[in-house]
Amino acid sequence: MHTLRRMDMSLSALRILHVGHYAQADHLLRMWGELGGKDPRTVAEVGVGNESFLVSFVHTGARLMAVDAHMPFVEALRKKIPTATVHHCAVSDRKGTEELVVAGDSTNIERIASTGYLPESKITGTATVPADLFSAFDDGTIDVLNIDCEGSEPFVLAHMVSRPKVIMIELLPDLPSSPESVRLLRDMGYVHLHDIGSFTHVFAQLTPEQVRMYTTSAAHRFYSRFMDDGDLCFDIGANAGNRTRTFLGLGASVVAVEPQPHCAQILRDTYASNKLSVIGKAVSDVCGTATLHTGFHDTIASMSDSWLDAVKGSRRFGQHTWPVSIDVETTTLDTLIKEHGVPKFIKIDVEGFEYNVLKGLSQPIANISFEFTPEHIEDTVKCMQHLESLGPVEFNASIGESMVMHNDEYTSSASILKLIAQLADGRAFGDVYARAI
């Protein structure tokens, strides 16, 4: 979500310690440069899988080191990068051996996989492998670290000797390791900067000046038009706090509403602030209970059957399914306003349930955003009609995650609907912005 300035960096002495094969190496290096780094000492790899990011640094003069528990991955990386030092070992909380389960490109310590993260139907093999603490591989010089260990992330953090400037970490939904990882990072003084994709998060150790620097990011600049220091905002469908962080960074008081328990806990653990209230509920047009459909990707959990049918039909998310249904408690916008006050801005991102959320609002609000997908445009029409029924309102739109308004000026609902209908990419998405006048 952030626009990062590129800075010149010397890579002549670069060593890379990376945990996980879904790393985005270029992003980590940009982050390092953004935070003033000139010559990171260490970057490695633990859990290389089939897509080791170390290949990105073969020509940089970097010293490359990796650790993986699955011997075929180790042998493949040794063959691909002969100059890399590749250890065959599982990073654990104890020295000895671990039982490893293999599922495609993923490998998991068996006692973690048995918590329910990895269904037996997906397991393709098992093995007994050597195990050791992360401190056996951390010599204290790690400056940039990426962690992707399929639930073993706390083992890395708990036995980390170094204090890297930048840490990228995967926090998988429904795993007890995710809130534990966040707690460990917070206890070590790390600040959550932003998310990449569905569940990859970037943390860093920042000086006060660097914190101020990040408030000039694209997201901060974009949302600053809706709020000032001390204003109240509602983040409906907060997930793990991508927007909550921005709103707090602008000095707003935030009511973050998120029905998925593990996401709500991440919000509480990551953004501990007296300006944040986390409500572990869903928002609807009535107070009560409703069914939330979810799966592996917590960012696309939904309570809208019609939206699910639409995105399955368009294959917006490929073969993704929503096999898990849970009952969640619901509240309404009117109830939240009664309990917390009238917000200056309401952001709604609830995967097709936006109209149900807005039906629970009976008064105009200065600024509201709600997500749209073209294949579910009927509900976008209903959202606009409901807001128009509450009082004079004008609209704009931002496509995708561009952090740019499509029109220079706000306009009518008809103009925005025409824009959405004309989007060349049928899988495009974005947010409609409504401003009371």
Protein backbone atom coordinates (compact mmCIF):
# COMPACT_ATOMS: atom_id res chain seq x y z
CA MET A 1 0.00 0.00 0.00
CA HIS A 2 2.95 2.33 0.42
CA THR A 3 4.82 4.13 -2.32
CA LEU A 4 8.47 3.54 -1.50
CA ARG A 5 11.25 5.80 -2.72
CA ARG A 6 14.18 3.97 -4.31
CA MET A 7 17.56 4.78 -2.82
CA ASP A 8 21.03 3.85 -4.03
CA MET A 9 22.44 0.86 -2.18
CA SER A 10 25.76 -0.94 -2.29
CA LEU A 11 25.22 -4.70 -2.46
CA SER A 12 28.88 -5.69 -2.53
CA ALA A 13 28.79 -7.17 0.98
CA LEU A 14 25.16 -8.30 0.97
CA ARG A 15 24.30 -11.54 2.72
CA ILE A 16 20.65 -12.49 2.77
CA LEU A 17 18.77 -14.42 5.45
CA HIS A 18 15.30 -15.17 4.14
CA VAL A 19 12.80 -17.54 5.73
CA GLY A 20 10.34 -18.83 3.14
CA HIS A 21 10.10 -19.24 -0.64
CA TYR A 22 7.40 -16.64 -1.29
CA ALA A 23 9.74 -13.74 -0.47
CA GLN A 24 9.60 -10.55 -2.46
CA ALA A 25 13.29 -9.75 -2.51
CA ASP A 26 13.07 -6.50 -4.42
CA HIS A 27 10.53 -5.18 -1.94
CA LEU A 28 12.72 -6.04 1.02
CA LEU A 29 15.67 -4.26 -0.52
CA ARG A 30 13.58 -1.18 -1.31
CA MET A 31 12.41 -1.19 2.30
CA TRP A 32 16.00 -1.44 3.49
CA GLY A 33 16.99 1.51 1.34
CA GLU A 34 13.89 3.48 2.32
CA LEU A 35 14.88 3.16 5.96
CA GLY A 36 18.36 4.47 5.29
CA GLY A 37 20.25 1.21 4.80
CA LYS A 38 23.40 1.35 2.68
CA ASP A 39 24.96 -2.10 2.88
CA PRO A 40 22.85 -4.78 4.62
CA ARG A 41 25.08 -7.41 6.14
CA THR A 42 22.77 -10.40 6.11
CA VAL A 43 19.75 -11.61 4.23
CA ALA A 44 19.34 -16.15 4.15
CA GLU A 45 16.56 -18.46 3.44
CA VAL A 46 14.72 -21.02 5.58
CA GLY A 47 12.07 -22.95 3.69
CA VAL A 48 13.15 -22.44 0.12
CA GLY A 49 10.49 -24.54 -1.59
CA ASN A 50 10.55 -24.58 -5.39
CA GLU A 51 10.89 -20.82 -5.80
CA SER A 52 13.93 -19.66 -3.86
CA PHE A 53 14.33 -15.92 -4.00
CA LEU A 54 18.10 -16.27 -3.69
CA VAL A 55 18.35 -16.40 -7.48
CA SER A 56 17.63 -12.67 -7.43
CA PHE A 57 21.00 -12.03 -5.80
CA VAL A 58 23.36 -14.38 -7.64
CA HIS A 59 24.86 -11.50 -9.63
CA THR A 60 25.09 -8.98 -6.79
CA GLY A 61 28.18 -10.36 -5.07
CA ALA A 62 25.97 -11.32 -2.13
CA ARG A 63 26.82 -14.22 0.16
CA LEU A 64 23.75 -16.48 0.07
CA MET A 65 22.67 -18.88 2.82
CA ALA A 66 19.57 -21.04 3.14
CA VAL A 67 18.01 -23.59 5.48
CA ASP A 68 15.30 -26.04 4.46
CA ALA A 69 13.92 -29.20 6.05
CA HIS A 70 13.01 -30.95 2.77
CA MET A 71 16.00 -32.58 1.09
CA PRO A 72 14.69 -32.35 -2.52
CA PHE A 73 14.40 -28.57 -2.12
CA VAL A 74 17.89 -28.42 -0.60
CA GLU A 75 19.43 -30.44 -3.43
CA ALA A 76 17.63 -28.40 -6.09
CA LEU A 77 18.87 -25.10 -4.64
CA ARG A 78 22.44 -26.40 -4.29
CA LYS A 79 22.34 -27.33 -7.97
CA LYS A 80 20.74 -24.04 -9.04
CA ILE A 81 23.09 -21.82 -6.98
CA PRO A 82 26.36 -23.69 -6.33
CA THR A 83 27.79 -20.69 -4.46
CA ALA A 84 25.00 -20.69 -1.87
CA THR A 85 25.40 -22.40 1.50
CA VAL A 86 22.29 -24.54 1.94
CA HIS A 87 21.63 -26.38 5.22
CA HIS A 88 19.28 -29.36 5.54
CA CYS A 89 17.49 -28.70 8.82
CA ALA A 90 14.12 -27.74 10.29
CA VAL A 91 14.03 -24.52 12.31
CA SER A 92 12.39 -25.58 15.57
CA ASP A 93 12.16 -24.77 19.27
CA ARG A 94 14.43 -27.68 20.13
CA LYS A 95 17.56 -29.42 18.87
CA GLY A 96 17.20 -32.98 17.62
CA THR A 97 14.72 -34.22 15.03
CA GLU A 98 11.23 -33.33 13.83
CA GLU A 99 8.61 -35.22 11.85
CA LEU A 100 8.02 -33.35 8.60
CA VAL A 101 4.89 -33.50 6.44
CA VAL A 102 5.00 -32.48 2.79
CA ALA A 103 2.07 -31.03 0.86
CA GLY A 104 3.06 -29.92 -2.62
CA ASP A 105 5.46 -26.99 -2.33
CA SER A 106 4.82 -26.65 1.41
CA THR A 107 6.53 -28.48 4.25
CA ASN A 108 5.34 -28.39 7.84
CA ILE A 109 6.53 -29.68 11.16
CA GLU A 110 4.02 -32.45 11.88
CA ARG A 111 3.04 -31.25 15.34
CA ILE A 112 2.10 -27.87 13.83
CA ALA A 113 0.29 -29.32 10.82
CA SER A 114 -1.78 -31.49 13.18
CA THR A 115 -3.38 -28.36 14.67
CA GLY A 116 -5.73 -28.35 11.69
CA TYR A 117 -3.83 -26.11 9.30
CA LEU A 118 -3.04 -28.92 6.86
CA PRO A 119 -5.80 -31.44 5.97
CA GLU A 120 -4.63 -35.06 5.72
CA SER A 121 -5.92 -35.18 2.15
CA LYS A 122 -3.23 -32.69 1.08
CA ILE A 123 -0.26 -34.53 2.63
CA THR A 124 1.92 -36.17 -0.02
CA GLY A 125 4.79 -37.43 2.13
CA THR A 126 6.49 -37.54 5.53
CA ALA A 127 10.08 -37.67 6.78
CA THR A 128 12.17 -37.49 9.93
CA VAL A 129 14.57 -34.54 9.62
CA PRO A 130 17.24 -32.87 11.78
CA ALA A 131 16.07 -29.85 13.75
CA ASP A 132 17.79 -26.97 15.49
CA LEU A 133 17.18 -23.55 17.01
CA PHE A 134 17.32 -20.52 14.76
CA SER A 135 20.22 -19.21 16.81
CA ALA A 136 22.36 -21.94 15.25
CA PHE A 137 22.11 -20.04 11.95
CA ASP A 138 21.86 -16.43 13.16
CA ASP A 139 25.30 -14.93 13.75
CA GLY A 140 23.92 -11.57 14.88
CA THR A 141 24.40 -9.72 11.60
CA ILE A 142 20.96 -10.09 10.00
CA ASP A 143 19.67 -6.75 8.72
CA VAL A 144 16.82 -7.88 6.45
CA LEU A 145 14.69 -10.94 7.28
CA ASN A 146 11.76 -12.65 5.60
CA ILE A 147 9.89 -15.37 7.49
CA ASP A 148 7.60 -17.90 5.79
CA CYS A 149 7.65 -21.13 7.79
CA GLU A 150 4.10 -22.47 7.53
CA GLY A 151 3.35 -21.98 11.23
CA SER A 152 6.91 -22.18 12.63
CA GLU A 153 7.48 -18.41 12.56
CA PRO A 154 7.54 -18.05 16.37
CA PHE A 155 10.45 -20.53 16.51
CA VAL A 156 12.47 -18.13 14.37
CA LEU A 157 11.54 -15.02 16.32
CA ALA A 158 11.99 -16.55 19.78
CA HIS A 159 15.57 -17.62 19.04
CA MET A 160 16.65 -14.73 16.85
CA VAL A 161 20.04 -13.30 17.83
CA SER A 162 19.96 -10.36 15.42
CA ARG A 163 17.54 -7.46 15.42
CA PRO A 164 16.88 -6.96 11.68
CA LYS A 165 15.82 -3.52 10.53
CA VAL A 166 13.11 -4.99 8.29
CA ILE A 167 11.14 -8.21 8.77
CA MET A 168 8.64 -9.60 6.28
CA ILE A 169 6.52 -12.36 7.81
CA GLU A 170 3.68 -14.59 6.70
CA LEU A 171 0.82 -14.76 9.24
CA LEU A 172 -1.49 -17.57 8.20
CA PRO A 173 -5.14 -17.47 9.25
CA ASP A 174 -6.47 -19.83 11.90
CA LEU A 175 -3.02 -20.70 13.26
CA PRO A 176 -2.11 -19.96 16.88
CA SER A 177 1.36 -19.03 15.62
CA SER A 178 0.10 -15.81 14.00
CA PRO A 179 -0.88 -13.84 17.15
CA GLU A 180 2.15 -15.31 18.93
CA SER A 181 4.42 -14.00 16.17
CA VAL A 182 2.85 -10.56 16.41
CA ARG A 183 3.33 -10.55 20.19
CA LEU A 184 7.00 -11.48 19.85
CA LEU A 185 7.59 -8.77 17.25
CA ARG A 186 5.84 -6.14 19.35
CA ASP A 187 7.81 -7.14 22.45
CA MET A 188 11.03 -6.63 20.45
CA GLY A 189 9.94 -3.14 19.43
CA TYR A 190 8.83 -3.76 15.85
CA VAL A 191 6.19 -1.59 14.18
CA HIS A 192 3.76 -2.93 11.59
CA LEU A 193 4.17 -0.96 8.36
CA HIS A 194 1.89 -2.57 5.80
CA ASP A 195 0.66 -5.77 4.17
CA ILE A 196 1.61 -7.46 0.92
CA GLY A 197 -1.07 -9.72 -0.51
CA SER A 198 -3.40 -11.68 1.71
CA PHE A 199 -1.26 -12.52 4.73
CA THR A 200 2.29 -11.24 4.31
CA HIS A 201 3.13 -8.40 6.69
CA VAL A 202 6.10 -6.03 6.89
CA PHE A 203 7.48 -4.96 10.27
CA ALA A 204 10.39 -2.63 10.99
CA GLN A 205 12.27 -0.92 13.77
CA LEU A 206 11.67 2.79 13.18
CA THR A 207 12.97 6.02 14.60
CA PRO A 208 10.39 8.76 15.29
CA GLU A 209 11.59 10.54 12.15
CA GLN A 210 11.00 7.41 10.06
CA VAL A 211 7.51 7.06 11.50
CA ARG A 212 6.81 10.59 10.28
CA MET A 213 8.29 9.70 6.90
CA TYR A 214 5.79 6.92 6.43
CA THR A 215 2.90 9.25 7.13
CA THR A 216 3.68 10.81 3.76
CA SER A 217 2.94 7.55 1.94
CA ALA A 218 0.35 7.32 -0.82
CA ALA A 219 -2.24 5.83 1.53
CA HIS A 220 -1.75 8.57 4.10
CA ARG A 221 -1.94 11.27 1.48
CA PHE A 222 -5.06 9.74 -0.02
CA TYR A 223 -7.00 9.28 3.22
CA SER A 224 -5.92 12.57 4.78
CA ARG A 225 -8.64 14.30 2.72
CA PHE A 226 -11.27 12.48 4.80
CA MET A 227 -9.99 13.00 8.32
CA ASP A 228 -7.93 15.18 10.62
CA ASP A 229 -6.14 14.48 13.86
CA GLY A 230 -8.70 13.46 16.48
CA ASP A 231 -11.53 12.61 14.05
CA LEU A 232 -13.50 9.39 14.49
CA CYS A 233 -13.41 6.73 11.76
CA PHE A 234 -15.09 3.35 11.37
CA ASP A 235 -13.15 0.55 9.63
CA ILE A 236 -15.83 -2.00 8.72
CA GLY A 237 -14.23 -5.26 7.63
CA ALA A 238 -10.86 -4.32 9.10
CA ASN A 239 -9.24 -7.74 8.51
CA ALA A 240 -5.65 -7.47 9.85
CA GLY A 241 -5.61 -3.68 9.85
CA ASN A 242 -4.26 -2.50 6.51
CA ARG A 243 -6.45 0.63 6.62
CA THR A 244 -6.66 0.80 10.41
CA ARG A 245 -2.91 1.44 10.54
CA THR A 246 -3.26 4.31 8.07
CA PHE A 247 -6.13 5.92 9.97
CA LEU A 248 -4.27 5.67 13.27
CA GLY A 249 -1.19 7.12 11.58
CA LEU A 250 -3.27 10.16 10.62
CA GLY A 251 -4.19 10.67 14.27
CA ALA A 252 -7.78 9.44 13.98
CA SER A 253 -9.64 7.45 16.60
CA VAL A 254 -10.67 4.17 14.96
CA VAL A 255 -13.46 1.70 15.61
CA ALA A 256 -12.27 -1.43 13.76
CA VAL A 257 -14.98 -4.03 13.25
CA GLU A 258 -13.84 -7.54 12.23
CA PRO A 259 -15.76 -10.81 12.79
CA GLN A 260 -12.91 -13.27 12.15
CA PRO A 261 -11.43 -14.02 15.60
CA HIS A 262 -7.81 -14.42 14.50
CA CYS A 263 -7.90 -11.15 12.54
CA ALA A 264 -9.48 -9.32 15.47
CA GLN A 265 -6.70 -10.62 17.70
CA ILE A 266 -4.04 -9.45 15.23
CA LEU A 267 -5.65 -6.01 15.35
CA ARG A 268 -5.52 -5.95 19.15
CA ASP A 269 -1.95 -7.23 19.32
CA THR A 270 -0.47 -5.20 16.46
CA TYR A 271 -2.14 -1.83 16.88
CA ALA A 272 -2.39 -1.52 20.64
CA SER A 273 -3.55 2.10 21.06
CA ASN A 274 -5.91 4.07 23.25
CA LYS A 275 -7.31 5.46 19.99
CA LEU A 276 -8.37 2.00 18.74
CA SER A 277 -11.49 0.02 19.64
CA VAL A 278 -11.69 -3.48 18.14
CA ILE A 279 -15.18 -4.94 17.82
CA GLY A 280 -15.21 -8.69 17.13
CA LYS A 281 -18.48 -8.66 15.20
CA ALA A 282 -19.82 -8.31 11.68
CA VAL A 283 -21.92 -5.33 10.58
CA SER A 284 -25.33 -5.90 9.04
CA ASP A 285 -28.75 -4.26 8.90
CA VAL A 286 -29.86 -5.93 12.14
CA CYS A 287 -28.25 -6.93 15.43
CA GLY A 288 -28.16 -10.68 15.90
CA THR A 289 -26.18 -13.46 14.24
CA ALA A 290 -25.27 -14.32 10.65
CA THR A 291 -23.20 -16.87 8.74
CA LEU A 292 -19.70 -15.96 7.53
CA HIS A 293 -18.17 -18.07 4.75
CA THR A 294 -14.41 -18.32 4.76
CA GLY A 295 -11.48 -20.45 3.69
CA PHE A 296 -7.71 -20.20 3.47
CA HIS A 297 -7.73 -16.53 2.41
CA ASP A 298 -9.22 -14.49 5.24
CA THR A 299 -9.26 -11.33 3.09
CA ILE A 300 -12.18 -12.65 1.01
CA ALA A 301 -14.43 -14.05 3.73
CA SER A 302 -18.02 -13.07 2.95
CA MET A 303 -21.58 -13.15 4.31
CA SER A 304 -23.12 -12.53 0.87
CA ASP A 305 -24.33 -15.65 -0.95
CA SER A 306 -25.06 -13.63 -4.10
CA TRP A 307 -21.54 -12.19 -4.17
CA LEU A 308 -20.02 -15.63 -3.71
CA ASP A 309 -22.08 -16.95 -6.61
CA ALA A 310 -21.03 -13.98 -8.76
CA VAL A 311 -17.27 -14.25 -8.12
CA LYS A 312 -17.33 -18.02 -8.54
CA GLY A 313 -19.05 -17.52 -11.87
CA SER A 314 -16.50 -14.94 -13.01
CA ARG A 315 -13.60 -16.99 -11.58
CA ARG A 316 -12.32 -13.80 -9.96
CA PHE A 317 -10.43 -15.89 -7.43
CA GLY A 318 -9.72 -18.86 -9.65
CA GLN A 319 -10.50 -22.19 -7.98
CA HIS A 320 -10.77 -20.72 -4.50
CA THR A 321 -13.52 -22.15 -2.32
CA TRP A 322 -15.15 -21.07 0.93
CA PRO A 323 -15.53 -24.42 2.72
CA VAL A 324 -15.85 -23.10 6.27
CA SER A 325 -18.99 -21.42 7.62
CA ILE A 326 -19.11 -19.88 11.08
CA ASP A 327 -21.84 -18.06 12.97
CA VAL A 328 -20.85 -14.52 13.95
CA GLU A 329 -22.50 -11.84 16.03
CA THR A 330 -23.75 -8.80 14.11
CA THR A 331 -24.24 -5.15 14.93
CA THR A 332 -25.34 -2.14 12.85
CA LEU A 333 -23.85 1.20 11.89
CA ASP A 334 -26.60 2.96 13.84
CA THR A 335 -25.67 0.92 16.91
CA LEU A 336 -21.98 1.70 16.50
CA ILE A 337 -22.80 5.41 16.18
CA LYS A 338 -24.89 5.26 19.33
CA GLU A 339 -22.03 3.57 21.20
CA HIS A 340 -19.03 5.48 19.80
CA GLY A 341 -20.30 8.68 18.16
CA VAL A 342 -20.79 9.95 14.61
CA PRO A 343 -17.71 9.21 12.47
CA LYS A 344 -16.14 11.58 9.98
CA PHE A 345 -15.36 8.65 7.68
CA ILE A 346 -16.63 5.08 7.27
CA LYS A 347 -14.66 2.57 5.20
CA ILE A 348 -16.62 -0.58 4.23
CA ASP A 349 -14.91 -3.61 2.71
CA VAL A 350 -17.01 -6.71 3.35
CA GLU A 351 -16.88 -8.73 0.12
CA GLY A 352 -20.33 -8.11 -1.32
CA PHE A 353 -22.19 -7.42 1.94
CA GLU A 354 -21.86 -3.63 1.61
CA TYR A 355 -25.55 -2.98 0.98
CA ASN A 356 -26.56 -4.90 4.10
CA VAL A 357 -24.08 -2.81 6.08
CA LEU A 358 -25.44 0.48 4.69
CA LYS A 359 -29.06 -0.56 5.31
CA GLY A 360 -28.22 -0.33 9.00
CA LEU A 361 -27.42 3.39 8.63
CA SER A 362 -30.22 5.95 8.99
CA GLN A 363 -28.33 9.28 8.84
CA PRO A 364 -25.93 11.02 6.44
CA ILE A 365 -22.19 10.66 7.08
CA ALA A 366 -19.60 13.13 5.82
CA ASN A 367 -17.58 10.53 3.89
CA ILE A 368 -18.16 6.83 3.17
CA SER A 369 -16.29 4.36 0.99
CA PHE A 370 -17.52 0.92 -0.04
CA GLU A 371 -15.96 -1.70 -2.29
CA PHE A 372 -17.41 -2.69 -5.66
CA THR A 373 -16.90 -5.57 -8.08
CA PRO A 374 -18.43 -5.24 -11.57
CA GLU A 375 -20.04 -8.69 -11.49
CA HIS A 376 -21.98 -7.64 -8.37
CA ILE A 377 -22.94 -4.17 -9.58
CA GLU A 378 -26.60 -4.60 -8.61
CA ASP A 379 -25.65 -4.19 -4.97
CA THR A 380 -23.48 -1.17 -5.81
CA VAL A 381 -26.60 0.45 -7.29
CA LYS A 382 -28.53 -0.34 -4.10
CA CYS A 383 -25.77 1.15 -1.95
CA MET A 384 -25.87 4.41 -3.87
CA GLN A 385 -29.65 4.57 -3.80
CA HIS A 386 -29.71 4.06 -0.04
CA LEU A 387 -27.17 6.82 0.54
CA GLU A 388 -29.15 9.15 -1.73
CA SER A 389 -32.25 8.40 0.34
CA LEU A 390 -30.47 9.73 3.45
CA GLY A 391 -29.73 13.16 1.96
CA PRO A 392 -27.85 15.00 -0.81
CA VAL A 393 -24.69 13.10 -1.78
CA GLU A 394 -22.11 13.02 -4.56
CA PHE A 395 -19.78 10.23 -5.64
CA ASN A 396 -16.30 9.40 -6.89
CA ALA A 397 -14.33 6.18 -7.33
CA SER A 398 -10.84 4.77 -6.98
CA ILE A 399 -9.91 1.78 -9.13
CA GLY A 400 -8.04 -1.11 -7.55
CA GLU A 401 -5.49 -0.08 -4.92
CA SER A 402 -4.37 2.97 -6.87
CA MET A 403 -4.93 5.47 -4.05
CA VAL A 404 -6.07 7.95 -6.70
CA MET A 405 -9.55 9.29 -7.37
CA HIS A 406 -10.69 8.51 -10.91
CA ASN A 407 -12.43 11.88 -11.37
CA ASP A 408 -11.05 15.28 -10.46
CA GLU A 409 -14.45 16.22 -9.08
CA TYR A 410 -17.23 14.31 -7.36
CA THR A 411 -20.17 13.52 -9.61
CA SER A 412 -23.51 11.72 -9.80
CA SER A 413 -24.20 8.08 -9.06
CA ALA A 414 -25.11 7.55 -12.72
CA SER A 415 -21.67 8.70 -13.85
CA ILE A 416 -19.88 6.36 -11.44
CA LEU A 417 -22.05 3.41 -12.43
CA LYS A 418 -21.28 4.12 -16.08
CA LEU A 419 -17.56 4.12 -15.22
CA ILE A 420 -17.81 0.74 -13.49
CA ALA A 421 -19.78 -0.74 -16.38
CA GLN A 422 -17.10 0.40 -18.85
CA LEU A 423 -14.14 -1.11 -17.02
CA ALA A 424 -12.24 -3.09 -19.61
CA ASP A 425 -11.03 -5.69 -17.12
CA GLY A 426 -13.98 -7.71 -15.88
CA ARG A 427 -12.00 -8.63 -12.78
CA ALA A 428 -11.29 -5.02 -11.85
CA PHE A 429 -12.46 -3.77 -8.49
CA GLY A 430 -12.28 -0.62 -6.46
CA ASP A 431 -14.09 1.62 -4.02
CA VAL A 432 -16.93 4.09 -4.43
CA TYR A 433 -16.58 7.26 -2.32
CA ALA A 434 -19.71 9.07 -1.18
CA ARG A 435 -19.60 12.62 0.19
CA ALA A 436 -22.56 14.27 1.89
CA ILE A 437 -23.36 17.76 0.56
